[in-house]
Protein backbone atom coordinates (compact mmCIF):
# COMPACT_ATOMS: atom_id res chain seq x y z
CA MET A 1 5.30 47.80 -6.38
CA SER A 2 6.92 47.70 -2.96
CA ILE A 3 6.09 51.26 -1.78
CA ILE A 4 2.49 52.51 -2.11
CA LEU A 5 1.56 56.16 -1.50
CA ILE A 6 -1.47 56.41 0.79
CA ASN A 7 -1.32 60.05 1.91
CA ASN A 8 -0.26 63.15 -0.02
CA PRO A 9 -0.62 66.30 2.12
CA GLY A 10 1.54 68.52 -0.08
CA ARG A 11 4.75 70.28 0.88
CA SER A 12 3.01 72.75 3.25
CA GLY A 13 1.14 70.03 5.16
CA TYR A 14 4.10 68.60 7.06
CA MET A 15 6.51 70.16 9.53
CA THR A 16 10.00 68.71 9.77
CA ASP A 17 13.24 69.64 11.48
CA TRP A 18 15.14 68.53 8.38
CA ASP A 19 15.94 70.76 5.43
CA ARG A 20 15.67 68.83 2.15
CA ASP A 21 18.36 70.81 0.35
CA GLN A 22 20.82 70.30 3.20
CA VAL A 23 20.09 66.55 3.28
CA LEU A 24 20.66 66.28 -0.48
CA GLN A 25 23.94 68.15 -0.12
CA ASP A 26 25.03 65.70 2.61
CA ASP A 27 23.86 62.84 0.41
CA THR A 28 26.47 63.64 -2.23
CA TYR A 29 29.04 62.01 0.10
CA LEU A 30 27.06 58.76 0.38
CA ILE A 31 27.51 55.84 -2.04
CA HIS A 32 24.24 53.95 -2.47
CA PRO A 33 23.82 50.29 -3.49
CA LEU A 34 23.23 49.92 -7.24
CA GLN A 35 23.46 53.69 -7.58
CA HIS A 36 23.01 55.31 -10.96
CA PRO A 37 23.06 59.12 -11.23
CA GLN A 38 19.94 59.24 -13.36
CA ASP A 39 17.94 57.10 -10.93
CA HIS A 40 19.14 59.16 -7.97
CA SER A 41 18.51 62.65 -9.32
CA ASN A 42 15.48 63.20 -7.05
CA PRO A 43 15.55 60.65 -4.21
CA VAL A 44 12.78 60.14 -1.70
CA ILE A 45 13.97 60.98 1.83
CA TYR A 46 12.28 58.84 4.48
CA VAL A 47 12.32 60.24 8.02
CA LYS A 48 9.83 58.19 10.06
CA GLY A 49 8.24 54.75 10.24
CA GLU A 50 5.29 53.39 12.16
CA GLY A 51 4.10 49.82 11.81
CA SER A 52 3.77 49.02 8.10
CA THR A 53 4.04 52.64 6.93
CA VAL A 54 6.86 55.13 6.37
CA THR A 55 6.77 58.90 5.97
CA ASP A 56 9.04 61.04 3.82
CA ILE A 57 10.47 64.48 4.54
CA GLU A 58 7.52 66.17 2.80
CA GLY A 59 4.85 64.34 4.78
CA HIS A 60 3.81 61.71 2.23
CA THR A 61 2.94 58.40 3.88
CA TYR A 62 3.56 55.07 2.16
CA ILE A 63 2.85 51.40 2.79
CA ASP A 64 6.21 49.65 3.05
CA GLY A 65 5.22 46.50 1.18
CA LEU A 66 8.80 45.22 0.94
CA SER A 67 9.63 45.62 4.66
CA SER A 68 12.48 47.93 3.66
CA LEU A 69 14.75 45.19 2.29
CA TRP A 70 12.80 42.19 3.66
CA ASN A 71 14.27 42.86 7.12
CA VAL A 72 11.60 44.86 8.98
CA GLN A 73 9.04 42.08 9.24
CA ILE A 74 7.79 43.17 12.67
CA GLY A 75 7.23 46.76 11.58
CA HIS A 76 8.76 50.20 12.02
CA GLY A 77 8.84 52.28 15.19
CA ARG A 78 9.10 49.39 17.67
CA ARG A 79 10.23 51.38 20.71
CA GLU A 80 10.70 48.29 22.85
CA LEU A 81 13.39 47.09 20.45
CA GLY A 82 15.14 50.45 20.67
CA GLU A 83 15.10 50.27 24.46
CA VAL A 84 16.58 46.75 24.48
CA ALA A 85 19.26 47.80 21.98
CA ALA A 86 20.10 50.87 24.07
CA ARG A 87 20.55 48.75 27.21
CA GLN A 88 22.86 46.33 25.40
CA ILE A 89 24.91 49.09 23.75
CA SER A 90 25.35 50.79 27.11
CA GLU A 91 26.84 47.53 28.46
CA LEU A 92 28.74 46.18 25.42
CA GLY A 93 28.14 47.60 21.96
CA TYR A 94 30.04 44.98 19.96
CA PHE A 95 32.67 42.31 20.27
CA SER A 96 33.74 39.67 17.78
CA CYS A 97 32.51 36.10 18.23
CA TYR A 98 35.50 34.46 16.58
CA ALA A 99 36.56 31.09 17.99
CA GLY A 100 37.78 31.44 21.56
CA VAL A 101 35.24 34.16 22.40
CA THR A 102 31.50 34.09 23.07
CA LEU A 103 28.87 36.60 24.13
CA ILE A 104 25.87 36.05 26.38
CA PRO A 105 23.15 37.56 24.08
CA ALA A 106 24.47 35.66 21.04
CA ALA A 107 24.63 32.35 22.92
CA GLN A 108 21.15 32.83 24.39
CA LEU A 109 19.64 33.72 21.03
CA ALA A 110 21.27 30.72 19.33
CA ARG A 111 19.80 28.40 21.96
CA ARG A 112 16.35 30.00 21.60
CA LEU A 113 16.46 29.61 17.80
CA SER A 114 17.36 25.92 18.16
CA GLU A 115 14.22 25.47 20.27
CA LEU A 116 12.01 27.15 17.66
CA ALA A 117 13.56 25.72 14.48
CA PRO A 118 12.21 22.42 13.10
CA GLY A 119 14.06 19.13 12.75
CA HIS A 120 17.81 19.16 13.02
CA LEU A 121 18.23 22.90 12.50
CA ASN A 122 19.96 23.29 15.84
CA TYR A 123 22.91 25.58 15.14
CA THR A 124 23.13 29.22 14.09
CA PHE A 125 25.81 31.27 12.35
CA PHE A 126 24.95 34.95 12.67
CA THR A 127 25.66 37.31 9.76
CA SER A 128 25.04 40.97 8.97
CA GLY A 129 22.70 40.46 6.00
CA GLY A 130 21.25 38.23 3.32
CA ALA A 131 24.11 38.36 0.81
CA VAL A 132 26.67 37.50 3.49
CA SER A 133 24.39 34.68 4.62
CA ASN A 134 24.32 33.25 1.09
CA ASP A 135 28.09 33.61 0.68
CA SER A 136 28.54 31.82 4.01
CA ALA A 137 26.15 29.05 2.93
CA ILE A 138 28.06 28.56 -0.34
CA LYS A 139 31.37 28.38 1.52
CA THR A 140 29.94 26.00 4.13
CA ALA A 141 28.55 23.62 1.51
CA ARG A 142 31.82 23.54 -0.42
CA PHE A 143 33.90 23.18 2.73
CA TYR A 144 31.79 20.22 3.84
CA TRP A 145 32.40 18.29 0.62
CA GLN A 146 36.08 19.22 0.61
CA ALA A 147 36.34 17.82 4.14
CA GLN A 148 34.59 14.65 2.92
CA GLY A 149 37.27 14.24 0.23
CA LYS A 150 34.80 14.93 -2.62
CA THR A 151 36.69 17.85 -4.07
CA LYS A 152 34.68 17.99 -7.30
CA LYS A 153 31.36 18.70 -5.56
CA VAL A 154 31.54 22.47 -5.98
CA LYS A 155 28.62 23.37 -8.27
CA ILE A 156 26.07 25.91 -7.06
CA ILE A 157 22.67 25.68 -8.79
CA SER A 158 20.20 28.56 -8.71
CA ARG A 159 17.20 29.67 -10.72
CA ASP A 160 16.95 32.31 -13.42
CA HIS A 161 15.39 35.54 -12.07
CA ALA A 162 16.45 34.60 -8.53
CA TYR A 163 18.08 37.34 -6.44
CA HIS A 164 20.64 36.27 -3.82
CA GLY A 165 22.61 39.46 -3.13
CA VAL A 166 25.36 41.66 -4.51
CA THR A 167 28.48 40.33 -2.78
CA MET A 168 30.79 38.45 -5.16
CA GLY A 169 29.55 34.93 -4.50
CA ALA A 170 25.88 35.89 -4.12
CA MET A 171 26.07 37.99 -7.29
CA ASN A 172 27.26 34.96 -9.28
CA ALA A 173 24.43 32.90 -7.81
CA THR A 174 21.90 35.61 -8.70
CA GLY A 175 20.00 34.71 -11.85
CA ILE A 176 19.49 38.28 -13.06
CA SER A 177 22.03 39.02 -15.79
CA SER A 178 21.91 42.82 -15.35
CA TYR A 179 23.72 42.39 -12.04
CA TRP A 180 26.79 40.78 -13.63
CA PRO A 181 28.50 43.22 -16.05
CA GLY A 182 31.24 45.55 -14.88
CA PHE A 183 32.79 43.42 -12.15
CA ALA A 184 35.13 41.16 -14.17
CA SER A 185 33.60 38.20 -12.40
CA ASN A 186 32.23 35.01 -13.87
CA LEU A 187 33.03 32.49 -11.17
CA PRO A 188 33.10 28.86 -12.36
CA ASP A 189 30.60 26.21 -11.23
CA PHE A 190 27.65 28.59 -10.77
CA ILE A 191 24.78 27.14 -12.84
CA HIS A 192 21.44 28.79 -13.60
CA VAL A 193 18.35 26.84 -14.64
CA ASP A 194 14.86 27.94 -15.66
CA ALA A 195 12.49 29.11 -12.96
CA PRO A 196 8.76 28.23 -12.69
CA TYR A 197 7.99 31.92 -13.16
CA PRO A 198 4.93 32.60 -15.37
CA TYR A 199 5.50 36.35 -15.73
CA HIS A 200 6.76 37.07 -19.28
CA TYR A 201 7.14 33.33 -19.83
CA ASN A 202 7.78 32.80 -23.53
CA PRO A 203 7.80 29.05 -24.13
CA GLN A 204 9.66 27.55 -27.06
CA ASP A 205 7.15 24.72 -26.93
CA THR A 206 3.68 26.25 -26.87
CA ASP A 207 2.22 23.07 -25.37
CA MET A 208 4.50 23.19 -22.34
CA GLU A 209 3.46 24.94 -19.14
CA CYS A 210 5.93 27.16 -17.28
CA GLY A 211 6.48 24.72 -14.39
CA GLU A 212 6.96 21.81 -16.78
CA ALA A 213 9.57 23.76 -18.76
CA ALA A 214 11.44 24.60 -15.56
CA ALA A 215 11.45 20.93 -14.52
CA LYS A 216 12.71 19.92 -17.97
CA SER A 217 15.53 22.40 -17.55
CA LEU A 218 16.66 20.50 -14.47
CA GLU A 219 16.55 17.26 -16.44
CA ASP A 220 18.68 18.80 -19.21
CA MET A 221 21.13 19.98 -16.58
CA TYR A 222 21.32 16.45 -15.13
CA CYS A 223 22.07 15.02 -18.57
CA GLN A 224 24.93 17.47 -18.96
CA PHE A 225 26.39 16.34 -15.66
CA VAL A 226 26.45 12.61 -16.46
CA SER A 227 26.69 12.43 -20.26
CA HIS A 228 30.02 12.10 -22.07
CA TRP A 229 28.40 13.55 -25.23
CA ARG A 230 27.53 17.05 -24.13
CA ASP A 231 28.08 18.27 -27.69
CA PRO A 232 28.54 15.21 -29.96
CA THR A 233 29.18 17.31 -33.09
CA ASN A 234 32.45 18.44 -31.54
CA VAL A 235 33.52 14.78 -31.47
CA VAL A 236 32.19 13.45 -34.79
CA LEU A 237 30.83 15.73 -37.50
CA ASN A 238 27.01 15.54 -37.88
CA SER A 239 26.81 13.00 -35.07
CA LYS A 240 24.35 12.75 -32.23
CA GLU A 241 24.29 10.94 -28.94
CA PRO A 242 22.92 7.40 -29.30
CA LYS A 243 19.51 6.75 -27.80
CA THR A 244 19.82 5.44 -24.26
CA THR A 245 17.71 5.41 -21.15
CA LEU A 246 19.33 8.70 -20.28
CA THR A 247 18.55 10.47 -23.55
CA ASP A 248 15.04 9.08 -24.08
CA VAL A 249 12.99 11.10 -21.62
CA ASN A 250 9.81 9.21 -22.61
CA ASN A 251 11.15 6.10 -20.89
CA TRP A 252 11.94 7.84 -17.62
CA VAL A 253 9.94 6.65 -14.62
CA CYS A 254 7.67 9.44 -13.45
CA PHE A 255 8.48 10.73 -9.99
CA GLU A 256 6.85 13.82 -8.54
CA ASN A 257 9.98 14.48 -6.51
CA PHE A 258 12.92 15.68 -8.62
CA THR A 259 15.49 14.21 -6.21
CA GLN A 260 13.92 10.74 -6.49
CA ARG A 261 13.94 11.04 -10.28
CA MET A 262 17.64 11.87 -10.32
CA MET A 263 18.40 8.98 -7.94
CA PHE A 264 16.55 6.64 -10.31
CA LEU A 265 18.58 7.90 -13.27
CA ASP A 266 21.80 7.46 -11.30
CA THR A 267 20.83 3.86 -10.57
CA ILE A 268 20.15 2.87 -14.17
CA ASN A 269 22.97 4.87 -15.81
CA TYR A 270 26.40 5.44 -14.37
CA LEU A 271 26.15 3.60 -11.02
CA PRO A 272 26.27 0.05 -12.49
CA ASP A 273 29.45 0.90 -14.46
CA ASP A 274 30.88 2.68 -11.44
CA ILE A 275 30.29 -0.39 -9.24
CA LEU A 276 31.78 -2.77 -11.83
CA VAL A 277 34.90 -0.64 -12.16
CA LYS A 278 35.38 -0.52 -8.40
CA VAL A 279 34.86 -4.29 -8.09
């Protein structure tokens, strides 16, 4: 649970300038994310936050365990942030940073982040939220490979149960099927594989742990990428793919790192043929 009630004074124990009925009447004009009438018949109205807690219009205080939507990590009620924001808004509230334009606070923050970030993470693209960040990352990755001339490198791989946002691209990357219906969208080249998620894990193989099953899912996905016999019965009735180094998992060299394992399989499978053809 992300919100935990820690104080319940009752309706008479809290004074507020807001009238609940008036707020609910105003709320009828507001479209909420993932809104369903039944779930929104009696909404909680939050009016104040302090540190890790929030207070509703009736005076109940809650621990905000989810940091609102994972974006209030430094806590509610930080007056110093409000003062800084007020100073900036009084000077320049907003201006686009499209190419040909820059802003002093954005440039200064980008430089500061490059100093704090590890390794080669030296550049920042600012967005308005997590879903837009994921959409931008998907576009950046695809654009990079297009620019490299590798136009077929477009697949986006994410885990089942993973949440990435509700914009069109992020929704297709999200591994929660209840987010998909109703939008006439099933974008190609978005692939979901098992997650090492023990909760409600129902293994087909009772001897296989959750993490092992998730790793095997990645191996199955790799075989689909490089095998010409994805479904042999569609080629020859009652046929099966012949046993090769690729299909016989027992002969795979054991690497703890999945990337190293895939590089090994590349080396012993399609790379030799690929090199011979190019020669």
